[in-house]
């Protein structure tokens, strides 16, 4: 009786330890994350990583809207805007029904 139970245990253990399917299929599609970035330098707000049309909103850190711009092509977009030094701003970009928010500090 013990030998039958031991045999069943060993067979069930071997079946559990050797999967019948590969853990990852061979036809995986790799997804590369695009980096989206916002920079402010010398009066120019540069936006990278977005495509198509969109809306750019700039707010002060206390929530006052500074600018609201509708853009036809966000690809490598530059916006001339004067922001005060030593202040923090929220940049909000609405693109393809998604909202991305950035925080920048102007030095």
PDB file of N, CA and C in Angstrom:
ATOM      1  N   UNK A   1       0.816  -1.196   0.000  1.00  0.00           N
ATOM      2  CA  UNK A   1       0.000   0.000   0.000  1.00  0.00           C
ATOM      3  C   UNK A   1       0.864   1.267   0.000  1.00  0.00           C
ATOM      4  N   UNK A   2       1.917   1.253   0.836  1.00  0.00           N
ATOM      5  CA  UNK A   2       2.805   2.396   0.896  1.00  0.00           C
ATOM      6  C   UNK A   2       3.498   2.618  -0.442  1.00  0.00           C
ATOM      7  N   UNK A   3       3.882   1.566  -1.093  1.00  0.00           N
ATOM      8  CA  UNK A   3       4.585   1.715  -2.366  1.00  0.00           C
ATOM      9  C   UNK A   3       3.666   2.301  -3.433  1.00  0.00           C
ATOM     10  N   UNK A   4       2.386   1.994  -3.414  1.00  0.00           N
ATOM     11  CA  UNK A   4       1.428   2.562  -4.369  1.00  0.00           C
ATOM     12  C   UNK A   4       1.245   4.049  -4.098  1.00  0.00           C
ATOM     13  N   UNK A   5       1.102   4.424  -2.829  1.00  0.00           N
ATOM     14  CA  UNK A   5       0.973   5.836  -2.477  1.00  0.00           C
ATOM     15  C   UNK A   5       2.233   6.608  -2.840  1.00  0.00           C
ATOM     16  N   UNK A   6       3.397   6.009  -2.611  1.00  0.00           N
ATOM     17  CA  UNK A   6       4.648   6.669  -2.971  1.00  0.00           C
ATOM     18  C   UNK A   6       4.743   6.848  -4.484  1.00  0.00           C
ATOM     19  N   UNK A   7       4.336   5.848  -5.242  1.00  0.00           N
ATOM     20  CA  UNK A   7       4.341   5.929  -6.705  1.00  0.00           C
ATOM     21  C   UNK A   7       3.409   7.049  -7.193  1.00  0.00           C
ATOM     22  N   UNK A   8       2.206   7.127  -6.637  1.00  0.00           N
ATOM     23  CA  UNK A   8       1.241   8.172  -7.023  1.00  0.00           C
ATOM     24  C   UNK A   8       1.794   9.550  -6.680  1.00  0.00           C
ATOM     25  N   UNK A   9       2.421   9.682  -5.529  1.00  0.00           N
ATOM     26  CA  UNK A   9       3.010  10.947  -5.128  1.00  0.00           C
ATOM     27  C   UNK A   9       4.115  11.377  -6.089  1.00  0.00           C
ATOM     28  N   UNK A  10       4.999  10.458  -6.450  1.00  0.00           N
ATOM     29  CA  UNK A  10       6.109  10.774  -7.342  1.00  0.00           C
ATOM     30  C   UNK A  10       5.594  11.153  -8.727  1.00  0.00           C
ATOM     31  N   UNK A  11       4.615  10.408  -9.251  1.00  0.00           N
ATOM     32  CA  UNK A  11       4.061  10.713 -10.569  1.00  0.00           C
ATOM     33  C   UNK A  11       3.373  12.075 -10.571  1.00  0.00           C
ATOM     34  N   UNK A  12       2.604  12.373  -9.549  1.00  0.00           N
ATOM     35  CA  UNK A  12       1.922  13.666  -9.503  1.00  0.00           C
ATOM     36  C   UNK A  12       2.927  14.814  -9.327  1.00  0.00           C
ATOM     37  N   UNK A  13       3.997  14.595  -8.579  1.00  0.00           N
ATOM     38  CA  UNK A  13       5.025  15.613  -8.421  1.00  0.00           C
ATOM     39  C   UNK A  13       5.738  15.883  -9.747  1.00  0.00           C
ATOM     40  N   UNK A  14       6.069  14.840 -10.485  1.00  0.00           N
ATOM     41  CA  UNK A  14       6.744  15.015 -11.767  1.00  0.00           C
ATOM     42  C   UNK A  14       5.854  15.738 -12.777  1.00  0.00           C
ATOM     43  N   UNK A  15       4.595  15.454 -12.771  1.00  0.00           N
ATOM     44  CA  UNK A  15       3.670  16.134 -13.673  1.00  0.00           C
ATOM     45  C   UNK A  15       3.539  17.614 -13.310  1.00  0.00           C
ATOM     46  N   UNK A  16       3.523  17.936 -12.037  1.00  0.00           N
ATOM     47  CA  UNK A  16       3.377  19.327 -11.604  1.00  0.00           C
ATOM     48  C   UNK A  16       4.650  20.129 -11.885  1.00  0.00           C
ATOM     49  N   UNK A  17       5.815  19.477 -11.820  1.00  0.00           N
ATOM     50  CA  UNK A  17       7.054  20.213 -12.006  1.00  0.00           C
ATOM     51  C   UNK A  17       7.434  20.406 -13.469  1.00  0.00           C
ATOM     52  N   UNK A  18       6.867  19.650 -14.392  1.00  0.00           N
ATOM     53  CA  UNK A  18       7.192  19.820 -15.813  1.00  0.00           C
ATOM     54  C   UNK A  18       5.962  20.336 -16.549  1.00  0.00           C
ATOM     55  N   UNK A  19       5.924  21.648 -16.822  1.00  0.00           N
ATOM     56  CA  UNK A  19       4.736  22.196 -17.488  1.00  0.00           C
ATOM     57  C   UNK A  19       4.630  21.708 -18.929  1.00  0.00           C
ATOM     58  N   UNK A  20       3.407  21.529 -19.370  1.00  0.00           N
ATOM     59  CA  UNK A  20       3.166  21.075 -20.729  1.00  0.00           C
ATOM     60  C   UNK A  20       3.280  22.218 -21.720  1.00  0.00           C
ATOM     61  N   UNK A  21       3.000  23.422 -21.278  1.00  0.00           N
ATOM     62  CA  UNK A  21       3.101  24.595 -22.129  1.00  0.00           C
ATOM     63  C   UNK A  21       4.281  25.436 -21.687  1.00  0.00           C
ATOM     64  N   UNK A  22       4.853  26.116 -22.650  1.00  0.00           N
ATOM     65  CA  UNK A  22       5.927  27.040 -22.310  1.00  0.00           C
ATOM     66  C   UNK A  22       5.328  28.207 -21.532  1.00  0.00           C
ATOM     67  N   UNK A  23       6.076  28.735 -20.562  1.00  0.00           N
ATOM     68  CA  UNK A  23       5.520  29.840 -19.778  1.00  0.00           C
ATOM     69  C   UNK A  23       5.283  31.098 -20.600  1.00  0.00           C
ATOM     70  N   UNK A  24       6.078  31.297 -21.659  1.00  0.00           N
ATOM     71  CA  UNK A  24       5.913  32.462 -22.515  1.00  0.00           C
ATOM     72  C   UNK A  24       5.851  31.985 -23.961  1.00  0.00           C
ATOM     73  N   UNK A  25       4.864  32.429 -24.703  1.00  0.00           N
ATOM     74  CA  UNK A  25       4.786  31.998 -26.104  1.00  0.00           C
ATOM     75  C   UNK A  25       5.922  32.599 -26.935  1.00  0.00           C
ATOM     76  N   UNK A  26       6.241  31.938 -28.043  1.00  0.00           N
ATOM     77  CA  UNK A  26       7.323  32.394 -28.912  1.00  0.00           C
ATOM     78  C   UNK A  26       6.956  33.636 -29.702  1.00  0.00           C
ATOM     79  N   UNK A  27       5.687  33.926 -29.849  1.00  0.00           N
ATOM     80  CA  UNK A  27       5.264  35.049 -30.686  1.00  0.00           C
ATOM     81  C   UNK A  27       4.991  36.307 -29.869  1.00  0.00           C
ATOM     82  N   UNK A  28       5.845  36.570 -28.879  1.00  0.00           N
ATOM     83  CA  UNK A  28       5.675  37.787 -28.074  1.00  0.00           C
ATOM     84  C   UNK A  28       6.003  39.011 -28.916  1.00  0.00           C
ATOM     85  N   UNK A  29       5.173  40.001 -28.815  1.00  0.00           N
ATOM     86  CA  UNK A  29       5.449  41.281 -29.451  1.00  0.00           C
ATOM     87  C   UNK A  29       6.038  42.196 -28.393  1.00  0.00           C
ATOM     88  N   UNK A  30       7.204  42.706 -28.672  1.00  0.00           N
ATOM     89  CA  UNK A  30       7.848  43.588 -27.716  1.00  0.00           C
ATOM     90  C   UNK A  30       7.233  44.976 -27.824  1.00  0.00           C
ATOM     91  N   UNK A  31       6.943  45.542 -26.684  1.00  0.00           N
ATOM     92  CA  UNK A  31       6.359  46.877 -26.617  1.00  0.00           C
ATOM     93  C   UNK A  31       7.422  47.802 -26.045  1.00  0.00           C
ATOM     94  N   UNK A  32       7.768  48.818 -26.809  1.00  0.00           N
ATOM     95  CA  UNK A  32       8.753  49.771 -26.365  1.00  0.00           C
ATOM     96  C   UNK A  32       8.036  50.995 -25.811  1.00  0.00           C
ATOM     97  N   UNK A  33       8.428  51.398 -24.635  1.00  0.00           N
ATOM     98  CA  UNK A  33       7.822  52.564 -24.015  1.00  0.00           C
ATOM     99  C   UNK A  33       8.453  53.819 -24.591  1.00  0.00           C
ATOM    100  N   UNK A  34       7.607  54.677 -25.097  1.00  0.00           N
ATOM    101  CA  UNK A  34       8.092  55.942 -25.610  1.00  0.00           C
ATOM    102  C   UNK A  34       8.219  56.917 -24.452  1.00  0.00           C
ATOM    103  N   UNK A  35       9.254  57.695 -24.506  1.00  0.00           N
ATOM    104  CA  UNK A  35       9.426  58.681 -23.454  1.00  0.00           C
ATOM    105  C   UNK A  35       8.775  59.990 -23.873  1.00  0.00           C
ATOM    106  N   UNK A  36       8.005  60.516 -23.016  1.00  0.00           N
ATOM    107  CA  UNK A  36       7.343  61.800 -23.221  1.00  0.00           C
ATOM    108  C   UNK A  36       8.017  62.777 -22.268  1.00  0.00           C
ATOM    109  N   UNK A  37       8.392  63.932 -22.791  1.00  0.00           N
ATOM    110  CA  UNK A  37       9.136  64.871 -21.958  1.00  0.00           C
ATOM    111  C   UNK A  37       8.741  66.304 -22.267  1.00  0.00           C
ATOM    112  N   UNK A  38       8.928  67.146 -21.252  1.00  0.00           N
ATOM    113  CA  UNK A  38       8.668  68.583 -21.352  1.00  0.00           C
ATOM    114  C   UNK A  38       9.871  69.304 -20.751  1.00  0.00           C
ATOM    115  N   UNK A  39      10.414  70.276 -21.503  1.00  0.00           N
ATOM    116  CA  UNK A  39      11.546  71.076 -21.044  1.00  0.00           C
ATOM    117  C   UNK A  39      11.240  72.548 -21.244  1.00  0.00           C
ATOM    118  N   UNK A  40      11.758  73.364 -20.337  1.00  0.00           N
ATOM    119  CA  UNK A  40      11.641  74.818 -20.488  1.00  0.00           C
ATOM    120  C   UNK A  40      13.040  75.397 -20.417  1.00  0.00           C
ATOM    121  N   UNK A  41      13.408  76.150 -21.460  1.00  0.00           N
ATOM    122  CA  UNK A  41      14.726  76.760 -21.500  1.00  0.00           C
ATOM    123  C   UNK A  41      14.653  78.067 -22.275  1.00  0.00           C
ATOM    124  N   UNK A  42      15.063  79.155 -21.653  1.00  0.00           N
ATOM    125  CA  UNK A  42      15.168  80.475 -22.287  1.00  0.00           C
ATOM    126  C   UNK A  42      13.888  80.917 -22.980  1.00  0.00           C
ATOM    127  N   UNK A  43      12.770  80.749 -22.324  1.00  0.00           N
ATOM    128  CA  UNK A  43      11.496  81.215 -22.868  1.00  0.00           C
ATOM    129  C   UNK A  43      10.826  80.269 -23.834  1.00  0.00           C
ATOM    130  N   UNK A  44      11.358  79.048 -24.017  1.00  0.00           N
ATOM    131  CA  UNK A  44      10.769  78.085 -24.935  1.00  0.00           C
ATOM    132  C   UNK A  44      10.392  76.812 -24.187  1.00  0.00           C
ATOM    133  N   UNK A  45       9.134  76.423 -24.308  1.00  0.00           N
ATOM    134  CA  UNK A  45       8.653  75.167 -23.745  1.00  0.00           C
ATOM    135  C   UNK A  45       8.713  74.125 -24.857  1.00  0.00           C
ATOM    136  N   UNK A  46       9.527  73.086 -24.682  1.00  0.00           N
ATOM    137  CA  UNK A  46       9.699  72.035 -25.679  1.00  0.00           C
ATOM    138  C   UNK A  46       8.975  70.777 -25.224  1.00  0.00           C
ATOM    139  N   UNK A  47       8.200  70.185 -26.124  1.00  0.00           N
ATOM    140  CA  UNK A  47       7.413  68.994 -25.828  1.00  0.00           C
ATOM    141  C   UNK A  47       7.825  67.904 -26.810  1.00  0.00           C
ATOM    142  N   UNK A  48       8.209  66.738 -26.293  1.00  0.00           N
ATOM    143  CA  UNK A  48       8.639  65.618 -27.125  1.00  0.00           C
ATOM    144  C   UNK A  48       7.876  64.345 -26.749  1.00  0.00           C
ATOM    145  N   UNK A  49       7.683  63.475 -27.733  1.00  0.00           N
ATOM    146  CA  UNK A  49       7.080  62.168 -27.477  1.00  0.00           C
ATOM    147  C   UNK A  49       5.590  62.095 -27.720  1.00  0.00           C
ATOM    148  N   UNK A  50       4.964  63.183 -28.118  1.00  0.00           N
ATOM    149  CA  UNK A  50       3.533  63.195 -28.400  1.00  0.00           C
ATOM    150  C   UNK A  50       3.335  63.316 -29.909  1.00  0.00           C
ATOM    151  N   UNK A  51       2.217  62.771 -30.405  1.00  0.00           N
ATOM    152  CA  UNK A  51       1.935  62.800 -31.836  1.00  0.00           C
ATOM    153  C   UNK A  51       0.487  63.211 -32.066  1.00  0.00           C
ATOM    154  N   UNK A  52       0.250  63.870 -33.177  1.00  0.00           N
ATOM    155  CA  UNK A  52      -1.104  64.283 -33.515  1.00  0.00           C
ATOM    156  C   UNK A  52      -1.475  65.587 -32.845  1.00  0.00           C
ATOM    157  N   UNK A  53      -2.774  65.872 -32.886  1.00  0.00           N
ATOM    158  CA  UNK A  53      -3.232  67.133 -32.298  1.00  0.00           C
ATOM    159  C   UNK A  53      -3.464  66.968 -30.808  1.00  0.00           C
ATOM    160  N   UNK A  54      -3.483  68.113 -30.124  1.00  0.00           N
ATOM    161  CA  UNK A  54      -3.682  68.068 -28.688  1.00  0.00           C
ATOM    162  C   UNK A  54      -3.880  69.449 -28.103  1.00  0.00           C
ATOM    163  N   UNK A  55      -3.979  69.492 -26.804  1.00  0.00           N
ATOM    164  CA  UNK A  55      -4.208  70.720 -26.068  1.00  0.00           C
ATOM    165  C   UNK A  55      -3.134  70.830 -24.989  1.00  0.00           C
ATOM    166  N   UNK A  56      -2.485  71.982 -24.929  1.00  0.00           N
ATOM    167  CA  UNK A  56      -1.466  72.236 -23.914  1.00  0.00           C
ATOM    168  C   UNK A  56      -2.003  73.279 -22.953  1.00  0.00           C
ATOM    169  N   UNK A  57      -1.960  72.955 -21.670  1.00  0.00           N
ATOM    170  CA  UNK A  57      -2.406  73.882 -20.633  1.00  0.00           C
ATOM    171  C   UNK A  57      -1.266  74.071 -19.643  1.00  0.00           C
ATOM    172  N   UNK A  58      -1.012  75.324 -19.277  1.00  0.00           N
ATOM    173  CA  UNK A  58       0.017  75.635 -18.283  1.00  0.00           C
ATOM    174  C   UNK A  58      -0.663  76.305 -17.100  1.00  0.00           C
ATOM    175  N   UNK A  59      -0.402  75.775 -15.909  1.00  0.00           N
ATOM    176  CA  UNK A  59      -0.983  76.294 -14.670  1.00  0.00           C
ATOM    177  C   UNK A  59       0.140  76.674 -13.715  1.00  0.00           C
ATOM    178  N   UNK A  60      -0.113  77.688 -12.896  1.00  0.00           N
ATOM    179  CA  UNK A  60       0.812  77.975 -11.800  1.00  0.00           C
ATOM    180  C   UNK A  60       0.617  76.873 -10.758  1.00  0.00           C
ATOM    181  N   UNK A  61       1.518  76.800  -9.823  1.00  0.00           N
ATOM    182  CA  UNK A  61       1.444  75.735  -8.816  1.00  0.00           C
ATOM    183  C   UNK A  61       0.209  75.867  -7.929  1.00  0.00           C
ATOM    184  N   UNK A  62      -0.378  77.077  -7.854  1.00  0.00           N
ATOM    185  CA  UNK A  62      -1.585  77.246  -7.048  1.00  0.00           C
ATOM    186  C   UNK A  62      -2.857  77.052  -7.871  1.00  0.00           C
ATOM    187  N   UNK A  63      -2.709  76.716  -9.149  1.00  0.00           N
ATOM    188  CA  UNK A  63      -3.864  76.365  -9.957  1.00  0.00           C
ATOM    189  C   UNK A  63      -4.380  77.422 -10.898  1.00  0.00           C
ATOM    190  N   UNK A  64      -3.724  78.567 -10.988  1.00  0.00           N
ATOM    191  CA  UNK A  64      -4.158  79.602 -11.931  1.00  0.00           C
ATOM    192  C   UNK A  64      -3.736  79.220 -13.343  1.00  0.00           C
ATOM    193  N   UNK A  65      -4.707  79.255 -14.285  1.00  0.00           N
ATOM    194  CA  UNK A  65      -4.388  78.922 -15.662  1.00  0.00           C
ATOM    195  C   UNK A  65      -3.618  80.079 -16.291  1.00  0.00           C
ATOM    196  N   UNK A  66      -2.463  79.755 -16.865  1.00  0.00           N
ATOM    197  CA  UNK A  66      -1.624  80.765 -17.493  1.00  0.00           C
ATOM    198  C   UNK A  66      -1.845  80.795 -18.989  1.00  0.00           C
ATOM    199  N   UNK A  67      -1.903  79.625 -19.598  1.00  0.00           N
ATOM    200  CA  UNK A  67      -2.075  79.564 -21.049  1.00  0.00           C
ATOM    201  C   UNK A  67      -2.809  78.272 -21.416  1.00  0.00           C
ATOM    202  N   UNK A  68      -3.542  78.350 -22.514  1.00  0.00           N
ATOM    203  CA  UNK A  68      -4.318  77.226 -23.024  1.00  0.00           C
ATOM    204  C   UNK A  68      -4.182  77.265 -24.551  1.00  0.00           C
ATOM    205  N   UNK A  69      -3.453  76.301 -25.142  1.00  0.00           N
ATOM    206  CA  UNK A  69      -3.143  76.335 -26.565  1.00  0.00           C
ATOM    207  C   UNK A  69      -3.567  75.032 -27.225  1.00  0.00           C
ATOM    208  N   UNK A  70      -4.352  75.142 -28.308  1.00  0.00           N
ATOM    209  CA  UNK A  70      -4.698  73.969 -29.097  1.00  0.00           C
ATOM    210  C   UNK A  70      -3.666  73.834 -30.215  1.00  0.00           C
ATOM    211  N   UNK A  71      -3.112  72.626 -30.371  1.00  0.00           N
ATOM    212  CA  UNK A  71      -2.011  72.382 -31.300  1.00  0.00           C
ATOM    213  C   UNK A  71      -2.424  71.314 -32.306  1.00  0.00           C
ATOM    214  N   UNK A  72      -2.114  71.545 -33.575  1.00  0.00           N
ATOM    215  CA  UNK A  72      -2.446  70.582 -34.627  1.00  0.00           C
ATOM    216  C   UNK A  72      -1.447  69.429 -34.692  1.00  0.00           C
ATOM    217  N   UNK A  73      -0.167  69.692 -34.384  1.00  0.00           N
ATOM    218  CA  UNK A  73       0.849  68.652 -34.445  1.00  0.00           C
ATOM    219  C   UNK A  73       1.797  68.802 -33.251  1.00  0.00           C
ATOM    220  N   UNK A  74       1.729  67.860 -32.326  1.00  0.00           N
ATOM    221  CA  UNK A  74       2.545  67.926 -31.119  1.00  0.00           C
ATOM    222  C   UNK A  74       3.948  67.349 -31.304  1.00  0.00           C
ATOM    223  N   UNK A  75       4.231  66.783 -32.442  1.00  0.00           N
ATOM    224  CA  UNK A  75       5.528  66.165 -32.672  1.00  0.00           C
ATOM    225  C   UNK A  75       6.639  67.218 -32.612  1.00  0.00           C
ATOM    226  N   UNK A  76       7.516  67.090 -31.618  1.00  0.00           N
ATOM    227  CA  UNK A  76       8.628  68.032 -31.403  1.00  0.00           C
ATOM    228  C   UNK A  76       8.143  69.474 -31.410  1.00  0.00           C
ATOM    229  N   UNK A  77       7.170  69.750 -30.572  1.00  0.00           N
ATOM    230  CA  UNK A  77       6.534  71.064 -30.532  1.00  0.00           C
ATOM    231  C   UNK A  77       7.292  72.002 -29.600  1.00  0.00           C
ATOM    232  N   UNK A  78       7.448  73.241 -30.009  1.00  0.00           N
ATOM    233  CA  UNK A  78       8.059  74.298 -29.186  1.00  0.00           C
ATOM    234  C   UNK A  78       7.083  75.454 -29.062  1.00  0.00           C
ATOM    235  N   UNK A  79       6.952  75.984 -27.856  1.00  0.00           N
ATOM    236  CA  UNK A  79       6.036  77.085 -27.580  1.00  0.00           C
ATOM    237  C   UNK A  79       6.809  78.206 -26.906  1.00  0.00           C
ATOM    238  N   UNK A  80       6.727  79.394 -27.463  1.00  0.00           N
ATOM    239  CA  UNK A  80       7.356  80.563 -26.855  1.00  0.00           C
ATOM    240  C   UNK A  80       6.415  81.095 -25.766  1.00  0.00           C
ATOM    241  N   UNK A  81       6.860  81.032 -24.528  1.00  0.00           N
ATOM    242  CA  UNK A  81       6.058  81.520 -23.410  1.00  0.00           C
ATOM    243  C   UNK A  81       7.009  82.021 -22.326  1.00  0.00           C
ATOM    244  N   UNK A  82       6.688  83.175 -21.760  1.00  0.00           N
ATOM    245  CA  UNK A  82       7.510  83.731 -20.689  1.00  0.00           C
ATOM    246  C   UNK A  82       6.952  83.286 -19.349  1.00  0.00           C
ATOM    247  N   UNK A  83       7.743  82.510 -18.631  1.00  0.00           N
ATOM    248  CA  UNK A  83       7.380  82.058 -17.288  1.00  0.00           C
ATOM    249  C   UNK A  83       8.367  82.677 -16.300  1.00  0.00           C
ATOM    250  N   UNK A  84       7.877  83.042 -15.138  1.00  0.00           N
ATOM    251  CA  UNK A  84       8.709  83.706 -14.140  1.00  0.00           C
ATOM    252  C   UNK A  84       9.729  82.743 -13.548  1.00  0.00           C
ATOM    253  N   UNK A  85      10.936  83.259 -13.334  1.00  0.00           N
ATOM    254  CA  UNK A  85      11.994  82.457 -12.721  1.00  0.00           C
ATOM    255  C   UNK A  85      11.644  82.093 -11.289  1.00  0.00           C
ATOM    256  N   UNK A  86      12.231  80.981 -10.827  1.00  0.00           N
ATOM    257  CA  UNK A  86      12.089  80.483  -9.459  1.00  0.00           C
ATOM    258  C   UNK A  86      10.641  80.152  -9.105  1.00  0.00           C
ATOM    259  N   UNK A  87       9.870  79.739 -10.084  1.00  0.00           N
ATOM    260  CA  UNK A  87       8.492  79.305  -9.848  1.00  0.00           C
ATOM    261  C   UNK A  87       8.288  77.902 -10.408  1.00  0.00           C
ATOM    262  N   UNK A  88       7.288  77.230  -9.869  1.00  0.00           N
ATOM    263  CA  UNK A  88       6.940  75.891 -10.314  1.00  0.00           C
ATOM    264  C   UNK A  88       5.643  75.964 -11.118  1.00  0.00           C
ATOM    265  N   UNK A  89       5.559  75.173 -12.197  1.00  0.00           N
ATOM    266  CA  UNK A  89       4.390  75.176 -13.066  1.00  0.00           C
ATOM    267  C   UNK A  89       3.949  73.747 -13.359  1.00  0.00           C
ATOM    268  N   UNK A  90       2.667  73.604 -13.625  1.00  0.00           N
ATOM    269  CA  UNK A  90       2.092  72.327 -14.030  1.00  0.00           C
ATOM    270  C   UNK A  90       1.785  72.421 -15.518  1.00  0.00           C
ATOM    271  N   UNK A  91       2.312  71.477 -16.295  1.00  0.00           N
ATOM    272  CA  UNK A  91       2.052  71.399 -17.724  1.00  0.00           C
ATOM    273  C   UNK A  91       1.138  70.206 -17.942  1.00  0.00           C
ATOM    274  N   UNK A  92       0.008  70.456 -18.535  1.00  0.00           N
ATOM    275  CA  UNK A  92      -0.994  69.407 -18.762  1.00  0.00           C
ATOM    276  C   UNK A  92      -1.195  69.271 -20.269  1.00  0.00           C
ATOM    277  N   UNK A  93      -1.025  68.058 -20.792  1.00  0.00           N
ATOM    278  CA  UNK A  93      -1.143  67.809 -22.224  1.00  0.00           C
ATOM    279  C   UNK A  93      -2.250  66.795 -22.444  1.00  0.00           C
ATOM    280  N   UNK A  94      -3.267  67.202 -23.221  1.00  0.00           N
ATOM    281  CA  UNK A  94      -4.370  66.316 -23.575  1.00  0.00           C
ATOM    282  C   UNK A  94      -4.136  65.881 -25.008  1.00  0.00           C
ATOM    283  N   UNK A  95      -3.988  64.558 -25.211  1.00  0.00           N
ATOM    284  CA  UNK A  95      -3.638  64.021 -26.515  1.00  0.00           C
ATOM    285  C   UNK A  95      -4.241  62.635 -26.657  1.00  0.00           C
ATOM    286  N   UNK A  96      -4.974  62.413 -27.734  1.00  0.00           N
ATOM    287  CA  UNK A  96      -5.583  61.102 -28.026  1.00  0.00           C
ATOM    288  C   UNK A  96      -6.412  60.590 -26.845  1.00  0.00           C
ATOM    289  N   UNK A  97      -7.249  61.446 -26.307  1.00  0.00           N
ATOM    290  CA  UNK A  97      -8.143  61.129 -25.188  1.00  0.00           C
ATOM    291  C   UNK A  97      -7.396  60.705 -23.924  1.00  0.00           C
ATOM    292  N   UNK A  98      -6.136  61.094 -23.799  1.00  0.00           N
ATOM    293  CA  UNK A  98      -5.350  60.816 -22.601  1.00  0.00           C
ATOM    294  C   UNK A  98      -4.788  62.127 -22.080  1.00  0.00           C
ATOM    295  N   UNK A  99      -4.580  62.184 -20.782  1.00  0.00           N
ATOM    296  CA  UNK A  99      -4.028  63.373 -20.155  1.00  0.00           C
ATOM    297  C   UNK A  99      -2.705  63.001 -19.506  1.00  0.00           C
ATOM    298  N   UNK A 100      -1.665  63.768 -19.795  1.00  0.00           N
ATOM    299  CA  UNK A 100      -0.359  63.578 -19.187  1.00  0.00           C
ATOM    300  C   UNK A 100       0.023  64.885 -18.498  1.00  0.00           C
ATOM    301  N   UNK A 101       0.466  64.807 -17.268  1.00  0.00           N
ATOM    302  CA  UNK A 101       0.778  65.990 -16.479  1.00  0.00           C
ATOM    303  C   UNK A 101       2.255  65.992 -16.097  1.00  0.00           C
ATOM    304  N   UNK A 102       2.877  67.151 -16.230  1.00  0.00           N
ATOM    305  CA  UNK A 102       4.274  67.336 -15.876  1.00  0.00           C
ATOM    306  C   UNK A 102       4.408  68.500 -14.907  1.00  0.00           C
ATOM    307  N   UNK A 103       5.423  68.450 -14.080  1.00  0.00           N
ATOM    308  CA  UNK A 103       5.727  69.555 -13.179  1.00  0.00           C
ATOM    309  C   UNK A 103       7.125  70.054 -13.543  1.00  0.00           C
ATOM    310  N   UNK A 104       7.250  71.367 -13.764  1.00  0.00           N
ATOM    311  CA  UNK A 104       8.554  71.936 -14.095  1.00  0.00           C
ATOM    312  C   UNK A 104       8.870  73.077 -13.137  1.00  0.00           C
ATOM    313  N   UNK A 105      10.146  73.308 -12.936  1.00  0.00           N
ATOM    314  CA  UNK A 105      10.630  74.424 -12.144  1.00  0.00           C
ATOM    315  C   UNK A 105      11.448  75.307 -13.076  1.00  0.00           C
ATOM    316  N   UNK A 106      11.105  76.584 -13.147  1.00  0.00           N
ATOM    317  CA  UNK A 106      11.805  77.518 -14.023  1.00  0.00           C
ATOM    318  C   UNK A 106      12.892  78.192 -13.199  1.00  0.00           C
ATOM    319  N   UNK A 107      14.133  78.079 -13.677  1.00  0.00           N
ATOM    320  CA  UNK A 107      15.278  78.686 -12.982  1.00  0.00           C
ATOM    321  C   UNK A 107      15.785  79.869 -13.761  1.00  0.00           C
TER     322      UNK A 107
END
